C-alpha atoms as a PDB file:
ATOM      1  CA  MET A   1      -5.927  -0.779 -25.346  1.00  0.00           C
ATOM      2  CA  GLU A   2      -2.766   1.292 -25.662  1.00  0.00           C
ATOM      3  CA  ILE A   3      -0.224   1.349 -22.820  1.00  0.00           C
ATOM      4  CA  ARG A   4       1.700   4.539 -22.344  1.00  0.00           C
ATOM      5  CA  ASP A   5       3.772   6.305 -19.692  1.00  0.00           C
ATOM      6  CA  LEU A   6       2.097   8.524 -17.109  1.00  0.00           C
ATOM      7  CA  ARG A   7       2.021  12.131 -18.297  1.00  0.00           C
ATOM      8  CA  ALA A   8       1.631  15.422 -16.511  1.00  0.00           C
ATOM      9  CA  GLY A   9      -2.003  16.249 -16.510  1.00  0.00           C
ATOM     10  CA  ASP A  10      -3.219  12.596 -15.985  1.00  0.00           C
ATOM     11  CA  GLY A  11      -3.805  13.125 -12.323  1.00  0.00           C
ATOM     12  CA  ASP A  12      -7.527  13.997 -12.234  1.00  0.00           C
ATOM     13  CA  ALA A  13      -8.390  11.126 -14.627  1.00  0.00           C
ATOM     14  CA  LEU A  14      -6.272   8.718 -12.582  1.00  0.00           C
ATOM     15  CA  ARG A  15      -7.845   9.667  -9.288  1.00  0.00           C
ATOM     16  CA  ALA A  16     -11.339   9.257 -10.895  1.00  0.00           C
ATOM     17  CA  LEU A  17     -10.325   5.841 -12.160  1.00  0.00           C
ATOM     18  CA  TRP A  18      -8.979   4.824  -8.740  1.00  0.00           C
ATOM     19  CA  GLN A  19     -12.133   5.948  -6.992  1.00  0.00           C
ATOM     20  CA  ALA A  20     -14.266   4.054  -9.466  1.00  0.00           C
ATOM     21  CA  ALA A  21     -12.041   0.963  -8.975  1.00  0.00           C
ATOM     22  CA  GLY A  22     -12.325   1.165  -5.216  1.00  0.00           C
ATOM     23  CA  ILE A  23      -8.800   2.398  -4.499  1.00  0.00           C
ATOM     24  CA  ARG A  24      -8.515   4.690  -1.485  1.00  0.00           C
ATOM     25  CA  ILE A  25      -7.017   8.023  -2.446  1.00  0.00           C
ATOM     26  CA  ARG A  26      -4.135   8.666   0.033  1.00  0.00           C
ATOM     27  CA  PRO A  27      -1.305  11.129   0.576  1.00  0.00           C
ATOM     28  CA  GLY A  28       1.063  10.900  -2.311  1.00  0.00           C
ATOM     29  CA  ASP A  29      -1.705  10.647  -4.886  1.00  0.00           C
ATOM     30  CA  ASP A  30      -1.573  14.331  -5.734  1.00  0.00           C
ATOM     31  CA  ASP A  31      -0.113  15.620  -9.032  1.00  0.00           C
ATOM     32  CA  ALA A  32       3.222  16.682  -7.641  1.00  0.00           C
ATOM     33  CA  SER A  33       3.837  13.308  -5.947  1.00  0.00           C
ATOM     34  CA  LEU A  34       2.782  11.396  -9.040  1.00  0.00           C
ATOM     35  CA  GLY A  35       5.155  13.417 -11.115  1.00  0.00           C
ATOM     36  CA  ALA A  36       8.013  12.810  -8.684  1.00  0.00           C
ATOM     37  CA  LEU A  37       7.334   9.067  -8.747  1.00  0.00           C
ATOM     38  CA  ALA A  38       7.343   8.959 -12.541  1.00  0.00           C
ATOM     39  CA  ALA A  39      10.494  11.059 -12.699  1.00  0.00           C
ATOM     40  CA  ARG A  40      12.383   8.760 -10.310  1.00  0.00           C
ATOM     41  CA  ASN A  41      11.130   5.648 -12.049  1.00  0.00           C
ATOM     42  CA  PRO A  42      11.082   6.229 -15.818  1.00  0.00           C
ATOM     43  CA  GLY A  43       8.896   3.750 -17.636  1.00  0.00           C
ATOM     44  CA  LEU A  44       7.393   2.278 -14.419  1.00  0.00           C
ATOM     45  CA  CYS A  45       4.292   4.438 -14.137  1.00  0.00           C
ATOM     46  CA  ILE A  46       1.924   3.428 -16.881  1.00  0.00           C
ATOM     47  CA  VAL A  47      -1.645   3.903 -17.975  1.00  0.00           C
ATOM     48  CA  GLY A  48      -3.842   2.041 -20.323  1.00  0.00           C
ATOM     49  CA  THR A  49      -6.008   4.165 -22.637  1.00  0.00           C
ATOM     50  CA  GLU A  50      -8.888   3.374 -24.949  1.00  0.00           C
ATOM     51  CA  ASP A  51     -10.295   6.074 -27.220  1.00  0.00           C
ATOM     52  CA  GLY A  52      -8.140   8.635 -25.402  1.00  0.00           C
ATOM     53  CA  ARG A  53      -9.616   7.769 -21.994  1.00  0.00           C
ATOM     54  CA  ILE A  54      -7.556   6.291 -19.098  1.00  0.00           C
ATOM     55  CA  VAL A  55      -9.016   2.923 -18.318  1.00  0.00           C
ATOM     56  CA  ALA A  56      -6.180   1.296 -16.375  1.00  0.00           C
ATOM     57  CA  SER A  57      -3.135   2.102 -14.315  1.00  0.00           C
ATOM     58  CA  ALA A  58      -0.081   0.532 -12.689  1.00  0.00           C
ATOM     59  CA  LEU A  59       2.574   2.512 -10.818  1.00  0.00           C
ATOM     60  CA  ALA A  60       5.818   1.071  -9.719  1.00  0.00           C
ATOM     61  CA  GLY A  61       9.043   2.074  -8.043  1.00  0.00           C
ATOM     62  CA  PHE A  62      12.447   0.379  -7.870  1.00  0.00           C
ATOM     63  CA  ASP A  63      14.987   1.174  -5.229  1.00  0.00           C
ATOM     64  CA  GLY A  64      17.762  -1.020  -6.589  1.00  0.00           C
ATOM     65  CA  ARG A  65      16.855  -3.940  -4.448  1.00  0.00           C
ATOM     66  CA  ARG A  66      13.077  -4.378  -4.440  1.00  0.00           C
ATOM     67  CA  GLY A  67      10.206  -3.208  -6.589  1.00  0.00           C
ATOM     68  CA  TRP A  68       6.946  -1.865  -5.237  1.00  0.00           C
ATOM     69  CA  LEU A  69       3.685  -1.905  -7.197  1.00  0.00           C
ATOM     70  CA  TYR A  70       0.947   0.624  -6.531  1.00  0.00           C
ATOM     71  CA  HIS A  71      -2.521   1.425  -7.752  1.00  0.00           C
ATOM     72  CA  VAL A  72      -3.136  -1.328 -10.252  1.00  0.00           C
ATOM     73  CA  ALA A  73      -6.657  -0.398 -11.367  1.00  0.00           C
ATOM     74  CA  THR A  74      -9.045  -1.152 -14.148  1.00  0.00           C
ATOM     75  CA  ASP A  75     -12.162   0.708 -15.063  1.00  0.00           C
ATOM     76  CA  PRO A  76     -15.027  -1.454 -13.741  1.00  0.00           C
ATOM     77  CA  GLU A  77     -16.528  -1.632 -17.312  1.00  0.00           C
ATOM     78  CA  MET A  78     -13.193  -3.032 -18.597  1.00  0.00           C
ATOM     79  CA  ARG A  79     -12.805  -5.860 -16.042  1.00  0.00           C
ATOM     80  CA  ARG A  80     -12.440  -9.579 -16.853  1.00  0.00           C
ATOM     81  CA  ARG A  81     -10.703  -8.745 -20.185  1.00  0.00           C
ATOM     82  CA  GLY A  82      -7.136  -9.268 -19.076  1.00  0.00           C
ATOM     83  CA  VAL A  83      -6.450  -5.499 -18.794  1.00  0.00           C
ATOM     84  CA  ALA A  84      -4.970  -5.609 -15.282  1.00  0.00           C
ATOM     85  CA  THR A  85      -2.945  -8.704 -16.065  1.00  0.00           C
ATOM     86  CA  ARG A  86      -1.443  -7.021 -19.108  1.00  0.00           C
ATOM     87  CA  MET A  87      -0.543  -3.931 -17.042  1.00  0.00           C
ATOM     88  CA  VAL A  88       1.103  -6.073 -14.353  1.00  0.00           C
ATOM     89  CA  GLN A  89       3.001  -8.108 -16.903  1.00  0.00           C
ATOM     90  CA  THR A  90       4.310  -4.888 -18.534  1.00  0.00           C
ATOM     91  CA  ILE A  91       5.577  -3.598 -15.199  1.00  0.00           C
ATOM     92  CA  GLU A  92       7.085  -7.025 -14.289  1.00  0.00           C
ATOM     93  CA  GLU A  93       9.021  -7.171 -17.537  1.00  0.00           C
ATOM     94  CA  ARG A  94      10.318  -3.593 -17.235  1.00  0.00           C
ATOM     95  CA  LEU A  95      11.407  -4.294 -13.626  1.00  0.00           C
ATOM     96  CA  ARG A  96      13.034  -7.536 -14.649  1.00  0.00           C
ATOM     97  CA  THR A  97      15.053  -5.669 -17.246  1.00  0.00           C
ATOM     98  CA  LEU A  98      16.271  -3.310 -14.488  1.00  0.00           C
ATOM     99  CA  GLY A  99      17.468  -6.227 -12.391  1.00  0.00           C
ATOM    100  CA  CYS A 100      14.575  -6.336  -9.913  1.00  0.00           C
ATOM    101  CA  ARG A 101      14.267  -9.780  -8.398  1.00  0.00           C
ATOM    102  CA  LYS A 102      11.304  -9.256  -6.010  1.00  0.00           C
ATOM    103  CA  LEU A 103       8.140  -7.212  -6.452  1.00  0.00           C
ATOM    104  CA  ASN A 104       6.044  -6.199  -3.421  1.00  0.00           C
ATOM    105  CA  LEU A 105       2.545  -4.740  -3.170  1.00  0.00           C
ATOM    106  CA  ILE A 106      -0.020  -4.026  -0.438  1.00  0.00           C
ATOM    107  CA  VAL A 107      -3.658  -5.214  -0.519  1.00  0.00           C
ATOM    108  CA  TRP A 108      -6.167  -3.966   2.066  1.00  0.00           C
ATOM    109  CA  ASP A 109      -7.160  -6.944   4.301  1.00  0.00           C
ATOM    110  CA  ASP A 110     -10.797  -6.652   3.310  1.00  0.00           C
ATOM    111  CA  ASN A 111     -10.219  -6.729  -0.446  1.00  0.00           C
ATOM    112  CA  THR A 112     -10.651 -10.472  -1.191  1.00  0.00           C
ATOM    113  CA  GLU A 113     -11.222  -9.867  -4.889  1.00  0.00           C
ATOM    114  CA  ALA A 114      -7.798  -8.241  -5.204  1.00  0.00           C
ATOM    115  CA  MET A 115      -6.214 -11.092  -3.270  1.00  0.00           C
ATOM    116  CA  ARG A 116      -7.721 -13.578  -5.709  1.00  0.00           C
ATOM    117  CA  PHE A 117      -6.309 -11.554  -8.651  1.00  0.00           C
ATOM    118  CA  TRP A 118      -2.781 -11.445  -7.174  1.00  0.00           C
ATOM    119  CA  GLU A 119      -2.762 -15.122  -6.258  1.00  0.00           C
ATOM    120  CA  ALA A 120      -4.018 -16.024  -9.740  1.00  0.00           C
ATOM    121  CA  ASN A 121      -1.087 -14.045 -11.166  1.00  0.00           C
ATOM    122  CA  GLY A 122       1.524 -15.887  -9.172  1.00  0.00           C
ATOM    123  CA  TYR A 123       1.865 -13.648  -6.117  1.00  0.00           C
ATOM    124  CA  GLU A 124       2.154 -15.058  -2.609  1.00  0.00           C
ATOM    125  CA  ARG A 125       0.952 -13.560   0.616  1.00  0.00           C
ATOM    126  CA  ASP A 126       3.864 -12.757   2.882  1.00  0.00           C
ATOM    127  CA  PRO A 127       3.370 -12.985   6.678  1.00  0.00           C
ATOM    128  CA  THR A 128       4.147  -9.325   7.316  1.00  0.00           C
ATOM    129  CA  ILE A 129       2.455  -6.409   8.917  1.00  0.00           C
ATOM    130  CA  GLU A 130       2.640  -2.950   7.399  1.00  0.00           C
ATOM    131  CA  TYR A 131       3.589   0.014   9.549  1.00  0.00           C
ATOM    132  CA  SER A 132       3.366   3.574   8.385  1.00  0.00           C
ATOM    133  CA  LYS A 133       3.847   7.097   9.700  1.00  0.00           C
ATOM    134  CA  ARG A 134       2.584  10.225   8.018  1.00  0.00           C
ATOM    135  CA  LEU A 135       5.329  12.841   7.838  1.00  0.00           C
ATOM    136  CA  GLY A 136       2.983  15.715   7.020  1.00  0.00           C
ATOM    137  CA  GLU A 137       1.406  17.163   3.932  1.00  0.00           C
ATOM    138  CA  THR A 138       3.413  18.852   1.277  1.00  0.00           C
END
């Protein structure tokens, strides 16, 4: 598998991967928002490809204090091969280089498989509750 930065035009393939992997498509997953995230966070929005097909993703942002990790996904046919771990390790190293000391992510409370993955990779569950507010569609 080759890891490369997210490119313009990857949106449809990414959304198909995310749906196949069970990730809920939400506001901010459109092409314009993905492009903006990648432009603000060079090198932190990556995809894994095999034979020219996107088979994995990991998107991250860094605000200078904390990192956030989004949409870590692996094609169901590629699971249990270390693909997601490799994607996460790549993002972690890139964030470490930028001076990021803490990386956050969100897991839906019914996704026990994801929870096991994150715990196996050294992540701890924080006793927090997420709040959100939709500011409208753009």
